Amino acid sequence: MIAAEHPVVPHQSESPGDGEGKPPEDRRRVFKRRFITATIIVLLIGIPAGYLLISAGQSRRSGMDKETEAAASGLREGWPSKMQRRIFEMPIPGNGQGVQYYETNNWKASRMYAKFRTTSAGLDRFLTGMGTGRAALEPDRITISPRDIKITGWSFGPGEHWAGTTHSNKKPRPTQNITVNMTDPASPVVYVVSAATP
């Protein structure tokens, strides 16, 4: 065979589109691409993680506030919420003064303790709103239990004119123990414990 039968083809360079022919990236471009990738990863992980941390902190603070309120000893000044008054069926009259309350909850029972001063007419409105009346108040009867006295710090000593009654309801409605200081009939002081059991 002679050389003319086998033409020699000159070597051709590979096209720029082929994988091996791609020029290497410069360091600045590599750093920029890696920085953008890292930033995206941090944002995708960091934002939800930060949100979870903030939510957990708020939830923890809220739980601690509720725990502090539940662990508070003694009565607090002010009116129970409308919902609390409705749940415990405690229609404190609008002219009530020096209103104090305290709520406790456990798996056996929930109790609302309340104390307030009212007028003679206000006492009648309160008792009627509960479904009872002044005739149910028995002289010299203290209906607040020693356990409840210990929790509230109330004192029912001698030298005062006390009257009390227990107003029972069918479960799950609450039962109220009511004791009234009638020493000043025009300005009676009402002590009430309303207990609701499941």
N, C-alpha and C. Protein backbone atom coordinates (compact mmCIF):
# COMPACT_ATOMS: atom_id res chain seq x y z
N MET A 1 0.83 -1.17 0.00
CA MET A 1 0.00 0.00 0.00
C MET A 1 0.88 1.24 0.00
N ILE A 2 0.48 2.17 -0.80
CA ILE A 2 1.31 3.36 -0.88
C ILE A 2 0.70 4.46 -0.02
N ALA A 3 1.48 5.45 0.28
CA ALA A 3 1.06 6.51 1.19
C ALA A 3 -0.13 7.28 0.65
N ALA A 4 -0.28 7.32 -0.67
CA ALA A 4 -1.37 8.10 -1.24
C ALA A 4 -2.71 7.47 -0.95
N GLU A 5 -2.71 6.15 -0.73
CA GLU A 5 -3.97 5.49 -0.44
C GLU A 5 -4.47 5.77 0.98
N HIS A 6 -3.59 6.18 1.83
CA HIS A 6 -3.94 6.49 3.23
C HIS A 6 -3.66 7.95 3.49
N PRO A 7 -4.64 8.79 3.23
CA PRO A 7 -4.39 10.21 3.46
C PRO A 7 -4.23 10.50 4.94
N VAL A 8 -3.37 11.36 5.24
CA VAL A 8 -3.13 11.74 6.62
C VAL A 8 -4.03 12.93 6.95
N VAL A 9 -4.82 12.74 7.95
CA VAL A 9 -5.73 13.81 8.37
C VAL A 9 -5.05 14.55 9.50
N PRO A 10 -4.99 15.87 9.42
CA PRO A 10 -4.35 16.62 10.52
C PRO A 10 -5.17 16.53 11.81
N HIS A 11 -4.49 16.54 12.91
CA HIS A 11 -5.14 16.46 14.24
C HIS A 11 -5.99 17.69 14.48
N GLN A 12 -7.25 17.47 14.87
CA GLN A 12 -8.15 18.58 15.13
C GLN A 12 -8.34 18.74 16.63
N SER A 13 -8.38 19.98 17.06
CA SER A 13 -8.62 20.23 18.50
C SER A 13 -10.08 19.95 18.81
N GLU A 14 -10.34 19.54 20.10
CA GLU A 14 -11.70 19.23 20.52
C GLU A 14 -12.52 20.51 20.59
N SER A 15 -13.81 20.35 20.34
CA SER A 15 -14.67 21.53 20.35
C SER A 15 -14.84 22.04 21.79
N PRO A 16 -15.07 23.34 21.96
CA PRO A 16 -15.22 23.88 23.31
C PRO A 16 -16.37 23.26 24.08
N GLY A 17 -17.35 22.66 23.36
CA GLY A 17 -18.50 22.08 24.04
C GLY A 17 -18.19 20.75 24.70
N ASP A 18 -17.10 20.08 24.35
CA ASP A 18 -16.77 18.79 24.95
C ASP A 18 -16.33 18.99 26.38
N GLY A 19 -16.61 17.97 27.24
CA GLY A 19 -16.35 18.08 28.67
C GLY A 19 -14.91 18.36 29.02
N GLU A 20 -13.98 17.73 28.34
CA GLU A 20 -12.58 17.87 28.72
C GLU A 20 -12.00 19.20 28.27
N GLY A 21 -12.66 19.82 27.35
CA GLY A 21 -12.07 21.03 26.81
C GLY A 21 -12.46 22.29 27.55
N LYS A 22 -13.29 22.19 28.63
CA LYS A 22 -13.77 23.35 29.36
C LYS A 22 -12.63 23.97 30.16
N PRO A 23 -12.48 25.27 30.04
CA PRO A 23 -11.38 25.87 30.82
C PRO A 23 -11.72 25.87 32.32
N PRO A 24 -10.76 25.69 33.21
CA PRO A 24 -11.04 25.66 34.66
C PRO A 24 -11.56 27.02 35.15
N GLU A 25 -12.47 26.96 36.17
CA GLU A 25 -13.01 28.20 36.73
C GLU A 25 -11.93 28.92 37.52
N ASP A 26 -11.99 30.22 37.49
CA ASP A 26 -11.01 30.93 38.30
C ASP A 26 -11.46 30.93 39.76
N ARG A 27 -10.54 31.19 40.65
CA ARG A 27 -10.80 31.07 42.10
C ARG A 27 -11.92 32.01 42.57
N ARG A 28 -11.99 33.19 42.01
CA ARG A 28 -13.02 34.15 42.43
C ARG A 28 -14.42 33.61 42.13
N ARG A 29 -14.60 33.03 40.96
CA ARG A 29 -15.91 32.49 40.56
C ARG A 29 -16.29 31.30 41.45
N VAL A 30 -15.31 30.44 41.76
CA VAL A 30 -15.57 29.28 42.64
C VAL A 30 -15.99 29.77 44.03
N PHE A 31 -15.28 30.75 44.55
CA PHE A 31 -15.60 31.28 45.88
C PHE A 31 -17.00 31.89 45.89
N LYS A 32 -17.32 32.65 44.84
CA LYS A 32 -18.63 33.29 44.77
C LYS A 32 -19.74 32.25 44.73
N ARG A 33 -19.57 31.19 43.91
CA ARG A 33 -20.59 30.14 43.80
C ARG A 33 -20.76 29.43 45.14
N ARG A 34 -19.67 29.10 45.79
CA ARG A 34 -19.74 28.41 47.09
C ARG A 34 -20.35 29.32 48.17
N PHE A 35 -20.04 30.60 48.11
CA PHE A 35 -20.61 31.54 49.09
C PHE A 35 -22.12 31.63 48.93
N ILE A 36 -22.59 31.72 47.69
CA ILE A 36 -24.04 31.80 47.44
C ILE A 36 -24.72 30.51 47.91
N THR A 37 -24.13 29.36 47.62
CA THR A 37 -24.69 28.08 48.06
C THR A 37 -24.77 28.01 49.58
N ALA A 38 -23.68 28.40 50.25
CA ALA A 38 -23.66 28.37 51.72
C ALA A 38 -24.70 29.33 52.30
N THR A 39 -24.84 30.50 51.69
CA THR A 39 -25.83 31.48 52.17
C THR A 39 -27.24 30.92 52.05
N ILE A 40 -27.55 30.29 50.94
CA ILE A 40 -28.88 29.71 50.73
C ILE A 40 -29.14 28.61 51.76
N ILE A 41 -28.15 27.77 52.02
CA ILE A 41 -28.31 26.69 53.02
C ILE A 41 -28.54 27.27 54.40
N VAL A 42 -27.77 28.29 54.76
CA VAL A 42 -27.93 28.91 56.07
C VAL A 42 -29.33 29.52 56.20
N LEU A 43 -29.79 30.18 55.16
CA LEU A 43 -31.13 30.78 55.21
C LEU A 43 -32.22 29.72 55.30
N LEU A 44 -32.07 28.64 54.54
CA LEU A 44 -33.07 27.58 54.56
C LEU A 44 -33.14 26.88 55.91
N ILE A 45 -32.02 26.79 56.59
CA ILE A 45 -31.99 26.12 57.90
C ILE A 45 -32.14 27.13 59.03
N GLY A 46 -31.48 28.26 58.92
CA GLY A 46 -31.43 29.23 60.01
C GLY A 46 -32.75 29.92 60.30
N ILE A 47 -33.48 30.31 59.25
CA ILE A 47 -34.74 31.03 59.47
C ILE A 47 -35.76 30.15 60.19
N PRO A 48 -36.03 28.92 59.71
CA PRO A 48 -36.97 28.08 60.47
C PRO A 48 -36.47 27.75 61.88
N ALA A 49 -35.16 27.54 62.03
CA ALA A 49 -34.63 27.23 63.37
C ALA A 49 -34.79 28.43 64.30
N GLY A 50 -34.54 29.62 63.78
CA GLY A 50 -34.73 30.83 64.59
C GLY A 50 -36.18 31.02 64.97
N TYR A 51 -37.07 30.77 64.02
CA TYR A 51 -38.51 30.89 64.30
C TYR A 51 -38.91 29.91 65.40
N LEU A 52 -38.41 28.67 65.30
CA LEU A 52 -38.73 27.66 66.33
C LEU A 52 -38.21 28.08 67.70
N LEU A 53 -37.00 28.64 67.74
CA LEU A 53 -36.44 29.09 69.02
C LEU A 53 -37.28 30.22 69.63
N ILE A 54 -37.68 31.17 68.79
CA ILE A 54 -38.50 32.28 69.29
C ILE A 54 -39.84 31.76 69.78
N SER A 55 -40.47 30.87 69.00
CA SER A 55 -41.77 30.31 69.41
C SER A 55 -41.65 29.53 70.70
N ALA A 56 -40.59 28.75 70.83
CA ALA A 56 -40.39 27.97 72.04
C ALA A 56 -40.20 28.88 73.25
N GLY A 57 -39.46 29.97 73.06
CA GLY A 57 -39.25 30.92 74.15
C GLY A 57 -40.55 31.58 74.58
N GLN A 58 -41.37 31.98 73.59
CA GLN A 58 -42.65 32.60 73.91
C GLN A 58 -43.58 31.61 74.61
N SER A 59 -43.58 30.38 74.12
CA SER A 59 -44.43 29.36 74.73
C SER A 59 -43.99 29.08 76.16
N ARG A 60 -42.69 29.05 76.37
CA ARG A 60 -42.16 28.78 77.71
C ARG A 60 -42.52 29.91 78.67
N ARG A 61 -42.37 31.16 78.19
CA ARG A 61 -42.73 32.31 79.03
C ARG A 61 -44.21 32.29 79.36
N SER A 62 -45.04 31.97 78.36
CA SER A 62 -46.48 31.90 78.58
C SER A 62 -46.81 30.84 79.61
N GLY A 63 -46.16 29.68 79.48
CA GLY A 63 -46.38 28.60 80.44
C GLY A 63 -45.94 28.99 81.84
N MET A 64 -44.81 29.72 81.93
CA MET A 64 -44.32 30.15 83.24
C MET A 64 -45.28 31.16 83.86
N ASP A 65 -45.85 32.07 83.03
CA ASP A 65 -46.81 33.03 83.55
C ASP A 65 -48.04 32.32 84.12
N LYS A 66 -48.53 31.31 83.37
CA LYS A 66 -49.70 30.56 83.84
C LYS A 66 -49.37 29.79 85.10
N GLU A 67 -48.14 29.24 85.14
CA GLU A 67 -47.74 28.48 86.33
C GLU A 67 -47.64 29.41 87.53
N THR A 68 -47.08 30.61 87.31
CA THR A 68 -46.97 31.58 88.40
C THR A 68 -48.34 31.98 88.90
N GLU A 69 -49.26 32.20 87.95
CA GLU A 69 -50.62 32.57 88.34
C GLU A 69 -51.29 31.45 89.12
N ALA A 70 -51.07 30.19 88.66
CA ALA A 70 -51.68 29.05 89.34
C ALA A 70 -51.06 28.82 90.71
N ALA A 71 -49.77 29.17 90.85
CA ALA A 71 -49.09 28.93 92.12
C ALA A 71 -49.22 30.09 93.09
N ALA A 72 -49.84 31.19 92.63
CA ALA A 72 -49.99 32.35 93.50
C ALA A 72 -50.78 31.96 94.74
N SER A 73 -50.31 32.42 95.88
CA SER A 73 -51.02 32.08 97.12
C SER A 73 -51.83 33.28 97.56
N GLY A 74 -53.05 33.02 97.97
CA GLY A 74 -53.91 34.10 98.43
C GLY A 74 -54.68 34.75 97.31
N LEU A 75 -55.56 35.63 97.72
CA LEU A 75 -56.43 36.29 96.75
C LEU A 75 -55.73 37.46 96.09
N ARG A 76 -56.17 37.76 94.89
CA ARG A 76 -55.62 38.91 94.18
C ARG A 76 -56.70 39.97 94.06
N GLU A 77 -56.28 41.22 94.06
CA GLU A 77 -57.22 42.34 93.92
C GLU A 77 -57.75 42.36 92.49
N GLY A 78 -59.00 42.69 92.35
CA GLY A 78 -59.58 42.82 91.02
C GLY A 78 -60.71 41.83 90.79
N TRP A 79 -61.31 41.98 89.63
CA TRP A 79 -62.48 41.17 89.28
C TRP A 79 -62.06 39.95 88.48
N PRO A 80 -62.68 38.79 88.76
CA PRO A 80 -62.47 37.66 87.86
C PRO A 80 -63.04 37.99 86.49
N SER A 81 -62.55 37.32 85.47
CA SER A 81 -63.05 37.58 84.12
C SER A 81 -64.52 37.17 84.01
N LYS A 82 -65.17 37.68 82.98
CA LYS A 82 -66.58 37.32 82.75
C LYS A 82 -66.71 35.81 82.57
N MET A 83 -65.74 35.22 81.87
CA MET A 83 -65.79 33.78 81.65
C MET A 83 -65.68 33.03 82.97
N GLN A 84 -64.76 33.46 83.84
CA GLN A 84 -64.63 32.81 85.15
C GLN A 84 -65.92 32.94 85.95
N ARG A 85 -66.51 34.13 85.92
CA ARG A 85 -67.76 34.33 86.66
C ARG A 85 -68.89 33.48 86.10
N ARG A 86 -68.87 33.28 84.78
CA ARG A 86 -69.91 32.46 84.17
C ARG A 86 -69.69 30.98 84.51
N ILE A 87 -68.46 30.51 84.40
CA ILE A 87 -68.16 29.10 84.68
C ILE A 87 -68.51 28.75 86.12
N PHE A 88 -68.13 29.63 87.05
CA PHE A 88 -68.34 29.34 88.47
C PHE A 88 -69.67 29.90 88.99
N GLU A 89 -70.48 30.43 88.07
CA GLU A 89 -71.80 30.97 88.41
C GLU A 89 -71.72 31.89 89.62
N MET A 90 -70.90 32.93 89.45
CA MET A 90 -70.64 33.86 90.53
C MET A 90 -71.00 35.28 90.07
N PRO A 91 -72.27 35.66 90.19
CA PRO A 91 -72.73 36.96 89.70
C PRO A 91 -72.42 38.10 90.67
N ILE A 92 -71.14 38.44 90.78
CA ILE A 92 -70.75 39.53 91.68
C ILE A 92 -71.46 40.81 91.24
N PRO A 93 -72.17 41.49 92.14
CA PRO A 93 -72.93 42.68 91.74
C PRO A 93 -72.01 43.80 91.27
N GLY A 94 -72.54 44.62 90.36
CA GLY A 94 -71.75 45.70 89.79
C GLY A 94 -71.27 46.71 90.81
N ASN A 95 -71.96 46.82 91.95
CA ASN A 95 -71.53 47.78 92.97
C ASN A 95 -70.57 47.14 93.98
N GLY A 96 -70.08 45.93 93.66
CA GLY A 96 -69.13 45.27 94.56
C GLY A 96 -67.86 46.09 94.73
N GLN A 97 -67.39 46.18 95.97
CA GLN A 97 -66.16 46.94 96.27
C GLN A 97 -65.14 46.01 96.90
N GLY A 98 -63.86 46.35 96.72
CA GLY A 98 -62.78 45.55 97.31
C GLY A 98 -62.81 44.11 96.83
N VAL A 99 -63.17 43.93 95.56
CA VAL A 99 -63.30 42.56 95.03
C VAL A 99 -61.93 41.90 94.98
N GLN A 100 -61.89 40.67 95.50
CA GLN A 100 -60.70 39.83 95.45
C GLN A 100 -61.12 38.45 94.97
N TYR A 101 -60.22 37.78 94.27
CA TYR A 101 -60.55 36.41 93.83
C TYR A 101 -59.30 35.57 93.72
N TYR A 102 -59.52 34.28 93.61
CA TYR A 102 -58.43 33.32 93.47
C TYR A 102 -59.02 32.05 92.88
N GLU A 103 -58.36 31.49 91.87
CA GLU A 103 -58.85 30.26 91.24
C GLU A 103 -57.81 29.17 91.36
N THR A 104 -58.28 27.96 91.67
CA THR A 104 -57.39 26.80 91.70
C THR A 104 -58.00 25.71 90.82
N ASN A 105 -57.13 24.92 90.22
CA ASN A 105 -57.57 23.82 89.36
C ASN A 105 -56.71 22.60 89.61
N ASN A 106 -57.34 21.45 89.70
CA ASN A 106 -56.63 20.18 89.69
C ASN A 106 -57.55 19.14 89.07
N TRP A 107 -57.10 17.89 89.03
CA TRP A 107 -57.89 16.87 88.33
C TRP A 107 -59.17 16.51 89.06
N LYS A 108 -59.25 16.85 90.34
CA LYS A 108 -60.47 16.54 91.10
C LYS A 108 -61.51 17.64 91.00
N ALA A 109 -61.09 18.87 91.10
CA ALA A 109 -62.06 19.98 91.13
C ALA A 109 -61.39 21.30 90.77
N SER A 110 -62.22 22.23 90.32
CA SER A 110 -61.78 23.60 90.09
C SER A 110 -62.56 24.48 91.07
N ARG A 111 -61.85 25.43 91.69
CA ARG A 111 -62.51 26.30 92.68
C ARG A 111 -62.22 27.77 92.39
N MET A 112 -63.25 28.56 92.62
CA MET A 112 -63.08 30.01 92.56
C MET A 112 -63.43 30.56 93.93
N TYR A 113 -62.49 31.30 94.49
CA TYR A 113 -62.69 31.96 95.78
C TYR A 113 -62.90 33.45 95.49
N ALA A 114 -63.89 34.04 96.12
CA ALA A 114 -64.12 35.47 95.92
C ALA A 114 -64.59 36.12 97.21
N LYS A 115 -64.19 37.38 97.37
CA LYS A 115 -64.60 38.17 98.53
C LYS A 115 -64.91 39.57 98.01
N PHE A 116 -66.00 40.15 98.49
CA PHE A 116 -66.32 41.52 98.09
C PHE A 116 -67.30 42.11 99.10
N ARG A 117 -67.34 43.44 99.12
CA ARG A 117 -68.30 44.18 99.94
C ARG A 117 -69.36 44.75 99.01
N THR A 118 -70.59 44.72 99.45
CA THR A 118 -71.68 45.23 98.63
C THR A 118 -72.71 45.92 99.51
N THR A 119 -73.83 46.27 98.94
CA THR A 119 -74.93 46.87 99.70
C THR A 119 -75.94 45.76 100.02
N SER A 120 -76.93 46.11 100.82
CA SER A 120 -77.99 45.14 101.14
C SER A 120 -78.69 44.69 99.86
N ALA A 121 -79.00 45.63 98.97
CA ALA A 121 -79.64 45.28 97.70
C ALA A 121 -78.70 44.48 96.81
N GLY A 122 -77.40 44.81 96.87
CA GLY A 122 -76.41 44.06 96.08
C GLY A 122 -76.31 42.62 96.54
N LEU A 123 -76.41 42.39 97.86
CA LEU A 123 -76.39 41.02 98.39
C LEU A 123 -77.60 40.26 97.86
N ASP A 124 -78.76 40.90 97.87
CA ASP A 124 -79.96 40.24 97.35
C ASP A 124 -79.80 39.88 95.86
N ARG A 125 -79.25 40.81 95.07
CA ARG A 125 -79.03 40.53 93.64
C ARG A 125 -78.07 39.37 93.46
N PHE A 126 -77.02 39.35 94.27
CA PHE A 126 -76.02 38.28 94.18
C PHE A 126 -76.66 36.92 94.48
N LEU A 127 -77.39 36.85 95.60
CA LEU A 127 -78.00 35.57 95.99
C LEU A 127 -79.05 35.12 94.98
N THR A 128 -79.85 36.06 94.48
CA THR A 128 -80.86 35.72 93.48
C THR A 128 -80.20 35.23 92.19
N GLY A 129 -79.12 35.89 91.81
CA GLY A 129 -78.38 35.49 90.60
C GLY A 129 -77.82 34.10 90.70
N MET A 130 -77.55 33.65 91.92
CA MET A 130 -77.05 32.29 92.12
C MET A 130 -78.16 31.26 92.18
N GLY A 131 -79.38 31.74 92.33
CA GLY A 131 -80.49 30.81 92.42
C GLY A 131 -80.92 30.53 93.84
N THR A 132 -80.54 31.41 94.76
CA THR A 132 -80.94 31.26 96.16
C THR A 132 -81.45 32.61 96.65
N GLY A 133 -81.54 32.80 97.95
CA GLY A 133 -82.02 34.07 98.47
C GLY A 133 -81.58 34.28 99.91
N ARG A 134 -81.88 35.45 100.42
CA ARG A 134 -81.47 35.82 101.78
C ARG A 134 -82.07 34.87 102.82
N ALA A 135 -83.25 34.33 102.56
CA ALA A 135 -83.88 33.41 103.52
C ALA A 135 -83.06 32.14 103.73
N ALA A 136 -82.21 31.81 102.76
CA ALA A 136 -81.38 30.60 102.89
C ALA A 136 -80.18 30.82 103.82
N LEU A 137 -79.84 32.07 104.11
CA LEU A 137 -78.70 32.35 104.99
C LEU A 137 -79.05 31.99 106.43
N GLU A 138 -78.28 31.07 106.99
CA GLU A 138 -78.51 30.65 108.37
C GLU A 138 -77.61 31.44 109.31
N PRO A 139 -78.16 32.06 110.34
CA PRO A 139 -77.34 32.84 111.28
C PRO A 139 -76.30 31.94 111.97
N ASP A 140 -75.14 32.56 112.23
CA ASP A 140 -74.04 31.90 112.94
C ASP A 140 -73.53 30.65 112.23
N ARG A 141 -73.71 30.57 110.93
CA ARG A 141 -73.20 29.42 110.18
C ARG A 141 -72.06 29.87 109.27
N ILE A 142 -70.91 29.20 109.41
CA ILE A 142 -69.75 29.44 108.55
C ILE A 142 -69.69 28.25 107.58
N THR A 143 -69.87 28.50 106.32
CA THR A 143 -69.90 27.40 105.35
C THR A 143 -68.56 27.20 104.63
N ILE A 144 -67.61 28.09 104.88
CA ILE A 144 -66.29 27.96 104.25
C ILE A 144 -65.49 26.92 105.05
N SER A 145 -64.96 25.93 104.38
CA SER A 145 -64.27 24.83 105.06
C SER A 145 -62.91 25.27 105.60
N PRO A 146 -62.39 24.57 106.62
CA PRO A 146 -61.05 24.89 107.13
C PRO A 146 -59.98 24.84 106.04
N ARG A 147 -60.12 23.90 105.10
CA ARG A 147 -59.16 23.80 103.99
C ARG A 147 -59.18 25.08 103.17
N ASP A 148 -60.38 25.58 102.84
CA ASP A 148 -60.50 26.80 102.04
C ASP A 148 -60.06 28.03 102.82
N ILE A 149 -60.30 28.03 104.13
CA ILE A 149 -59.83 29.14 104.99
C ILE A 149 -58.31 29.20 104.97
N LYS A 150 -57.68 28.02 105.01
CA LYS A 150 -56.22 27.97 105.00
C LYS A 150 -55.67 28.49 103.66
N ILE A 151 -56.33 28.13 102.56
CA ILE A 151 -55.88 28.58 101.24
C ILE A 151 -56.02 30.09 101.07
N THR A 152 -57.13 30.64 101.53
CA THR A 152 -57.41 32.06 101.31
C THR A 152 -56.86 32.98 102.39
N GLY A 153 -56.70 32.45 103.60
CA GLY A 153 -56.28 33.30 104.70
C GLY A 153 -57.43 34.08 105.32
N TRP A 154 -58.66 33.72 104.96
CA TRP A 154 -59.83 34.39 105.55
C TRP A 154 -59.93 34.06 107.03
N SER A 155 -60.54 34.97 107.76
CA SER A 155 -60.74 34.77 109.19
C SER A 155 -62.21 34.98 109.53
N PHE A 156 -62.78 34.03 110.23
CA PHE A 156 -64.19 34.11 110.63
C PHE A 156 -64.27 34.03 112.16
N GLY A 157 -63.70 35.01 112.78
CA GLY A 157 -63.62 34.99 114.24
C GLY A 157 -64.89 35.43 114.94
N PRO A 158 -64.87 35.33 116.27
CA PRO A 158 -66.04 35.74 117.07
C PRO A 158 -66.17 37.27 117.06
N GLY A 159 -67.31 37.72 117.55
CA GLY A 159 -67.55 39.16 117.62
C GLY A 159 -68.14 39.74 116.35
N GLU A 160 -68.37 38.92 115.34
CA GLU A 160 -69.00 39.36 114.09
C GLU A 160 -70.30 38.58 113.91
N HIS A 161 -71.20 39.14 113.14
CA HIS A 161 -72.47 38.45 112.86
C HIS A 161 -72.35 37.74 111.52
N TRP A 162 -72.20 36.42 111.57
CA TRP A 162 -72.01 35.62 110.36
C TRP A 162 -73.31 34.92 109.98
N ALA A 163 -73.48 34.71 108.69
CA ALA A 163 -74.60 33.92 108.18
C ALA A 163 -74.11 33.20 106.94
N GLY A 164 -74.58 31.97 106.77
CA GLY A 164 -74.07 31.20 105.63
C GLY A 164 -75.08 30.24 105.05
N THR A 165 -74.77 29.83 103.82
CA THR A 165 -75.59 28.82 103.15
C THR A 165 -74.73 28.10 102.12
N THR A 166 -75.16 26.91 101.77
CA THR A 166 -74.54 26.15 100.67
C THR A 166 -75.59 26.00 99.58
N HIS A 167 -75.22 26.44 98.40
CA HIS A 167 -76.13 26.34 97.26
C HIS A 167 -75.62 25.24 96.34
N SER A 168 -76.35 24.12 96.31
CA SER A 168 -75.91 22.96 95.52
C SER A 168 -76.58 22.94 94.16
N ASN A 169 -75.83 22.50 93.17
CA ASN A 169 -76.32 22.33 91.81
C ASN A 169 -76.00 20.92 91.34
N LYS A 170 -76.71 20.47 90.35
CA LYS A 170 -76.42 19.16 89.76
C LYS A 170 -75.15 19.26 88.92
N LYS A 171 -74.25 18.28 89.06
CA LYS A 171 -73.01 18.28 88.28
C LYS A 171 -73.34 18.28 86.80
N PRO A 172 -72.53 18.97 86.02
CA PRO A 172 -71.23 19.58 86.32
C PRO A 172 -71.31 21.02 86.79
N ARG A 173 -72.50 21.55 87.06
CA ARG A 173 -72.60 22.92 87.56
C ARG A 173 -71.95 23.01 88.94
N PRO A 174 -71.42 24.17 89.28
CA PRO A 174 -70.71 24.31 90.55
C PRO A 174 -71.63 24.39 91.77
N THR A 175 -71.06 24.05 92.91
CA THR A 175 -71.74 24.23 94.20
C THR A 175 -71.04 25.37 94.91
N GLN A 176 -71.82 26.28 95.51
CA GLN A 176 -71.24 27.45 96.16
C GLN A 176 -71.46 27.41 97.67
N ASN A 177 -70.39 27.63 98.40
CA ASN A 177 -70.47 27.85 99.85
C ASN A 177 -70.35 29.35 100.07
N ILE A 178 -71.37 29.92 100.67
CA ILE A 178 -71.45 31.38 100.84
C ILE A 178 -71.51 31.70 102.33
N THR A 179 -70.64 32.59 102.76
CA THR A 179 -70.68 33.09 104.13
C THR A 179 -70.66 34.61 104.06
N VAL A 180 -71.53 35.24 104.82
CA VAL A 180 -71.65 36.70 104.76
C VAL A 180 -71.44 37.29 106.15
N ASN A 181 -70.61 38.35 106.20
CA ASN A 181 -70.45 39.11 107.44
C ASN A 181 -71.55 40.16 107.46
N MET A 182 -72.52 39.94 108.33
CA MET A 182 -73.69 40.82 108.42
C MET A 182 -73.58 41.81 109.57
N THR A 183 -72.38 42.04 110.09
CA THR A 183 -72.20 42.96 111.21
C THR A 183 -72.76 44.34 110.86
N ASP A 184 -72.49 44.80 109.63
CA ASP A 184 -73.10 46.03 109.13
C ASP A 184 -74.08 45.62 108.03
N PRO A 185 -75.36 45.49 108.36
CA PRO A 185 -76.33 44.98 107.37
C PRO A 185 -76.41 45.82 106.09
N ALA A 186 -76.08 47.10 106.18
CA ALA A 186 -76.14 47.95 104.99
C ALA A 186 -74.92 47.76 104.09
N SER A 187 -73.87 47.13 104.63
CA SER A 187 -72.64 46.95 103.86
C SER A 187 -72.04 45.57 104.15
N PRO A 188 -72.75 44.50 103.77
CA PRO A 188 -72.27 43.16 104.07
C PRO A 188 -71.02 42.79 103.25
N VAL A 189 -70.21 41.91 103.83
CA VAL A 189 -69.02 41.39 103.13
C VAL A 189 -69.30 39.93 102.81
N VAL A 190 -69.17 39.60 101.54
CA VAL A 190 -69.51 38.26 101.06
C VAL A 190 -68.24 37.46 100.81
N TYR A 191 -68.23 36.23 101.31
CA TYR A 191 -67.15 35.27 101.05
C TYR A 191 -67.80 34.08 100.35
N VAL A 192 -67.25 33.70 99.22
CA VAL A 192 -67.87 32.59 98.48
C VAL A 192 -66.81 31.69 97.87
N VAL A 193 -67.07 30.39 97.96
CA VAL A 193 -66.21 29.40 97.30
C VAL A 193 -67.12 28.61 96.37
N SER A 194 -66.82 28.69 95.09
CA SER A 194 -67.61 27.97 94.09
C SER A 194 -66.74 26.84 93.55
N ALA A 195 -67.21 25.59 93.73
CA ALA A 195 -66.42 24.43 93.34
C ALA A 195 -67.14 23.65 92.25
N ALA A 196 -66.43 23.41 91.15
CA ALA A 196 -66.98 22.64 90.04
C ALA A 196 -66.18 21.35 89.92
N THR A 197 -66.86 20.23 89.90
CA THR A 197 -66.20 18.93 89.74
C THR A 197 -66.66 18.29 88.44
N PRO A 198 -65.74 17.59 87.75
CA PRO A 198 -66.12 16.97 86.46
C PRO A 198 -67.12 15.84 86.65
